Amino acid sequence: MAAEPNSVCEGWPTALSSSFVWDHEQFPNEDAYTHNLSADEKIELDATLTAFKGLGLDGQEVNRQNFPLPILQERLRAYCLELHRGRGFFSVRGLDPNAYSPEDNAILFLGISSYIGERRGKQDAQGNMFTHIRNATSMKASQEDRPFKDSTTAQGFHNDIFCDILAMQSRSQAAEGGRHFIASALTVYNQLALERPDLLEALATPNWTFDNRGRAQPKKRALLFYHGGHIILNFVPQSLVGLPNTTRSTELPPLSPLQHEALEAVQRISEKHQVALTFKPGDLTFINNWAILHAREAFRDDLVNQRYLVRMWLKNDLLAWKLPNPLQEGNKKIFHDKSMAENWNVAYIPRLRFDIRECFTP
């Protein structure tokens, strides 16, 4: 084992005191972070959905002005502040996705989320604005060989690549398993600062080469940043080490033993402090992607119960954290690049094949 330095990176905090620092003991049940919609709020949402559809606009044109929620809006604004300045996550519960068409479910998701982040990001090279996360039963590839979004396998702790807010709408649950886990990156930071500051330094050193599989020239950057008064973690292990059946390109330099140890430490500490989210059908969950890691357990579907999430990437221009240069380029490409058209893939289309590069992204 490498010698342990006595302090964290120069100029960085030795310990963080923040509402972003938490573990599972602070959330004994889901009520601690879940807003259960009242009867009046549900009536308001249905009335606003009907009124919006009467405007003759496309679903992607939903915003706070044409999807007014006078009863619910103040609570959503408070949760938005909680997302950026508080614990970093919350859920909204009470909608029944089976009561709505896929299009109406999407409009409700867009309408509520417009109070959290008005800017929506493209999630892949096709410009898809939604990602449909479910078992792709039509694929011939084994579960282990598929992208995580198409498989039933467990996925370790990670951040989504360059988005500010991770938003998910649960359409249905698995027959067994499929829980979502979250962990505070700042809690991870504090434990490493106390026990292994050398691993913090490894995470903050800009010598991590990501496997882009030909999409762009490989670039080296750090995984951990201290910028604008925030600790920011951008942790995507599969882009660094590959997967069991989809290995990292041999043309890239291997990770050092210390880097492997740092990745394993983040996983281990995240698991120790994790909070489990059940994702009941209809739940909307919002996560600060710079401050919170997430993972999922393996799951099993049956003919009736099938795990299905819809994901969006959001940004709140007013409250968004300032980003270090290595993260700005990717963030701008997601949210501001006009060279690629937006594809509003509202309906799920069964996937038969995938690009190998998809295995290296969440």
Foldseek 3Di string as FASTA:
>chain_A
DDDFDPFAPPPDDLADDALLAAFQVVDVDQVVFEAEDDPVQVVLQVVLLVQLVVVVDALLPAACVSRPRVVCLVVLLVVLCCLQGHNNKHKYDDDQLVVDDLRSLSSSQLNSCNSNFVFWWQQDPQQEQKQKAFALVQAPDDQQQDANSRHQAWWFWFFFAQFFKKKKAWAFAAPWFWKKKKFWPSNLVNVCSVPGSVLVVVQQDQAQWFQQPPPDDIGTGHQWDCPQNDIFGHGQVCRRANGPVGGGDPVDDHDDPSNVVSNVSSRVSRVVRMDIDRNHHGMMMMGRRGTMIMITHGGHHDPPGTTIMMIIGGHHVVSGGDDPPVSVVVNCNTGPDPPHDHDHCSDDDRDHDDDSSSNRGD
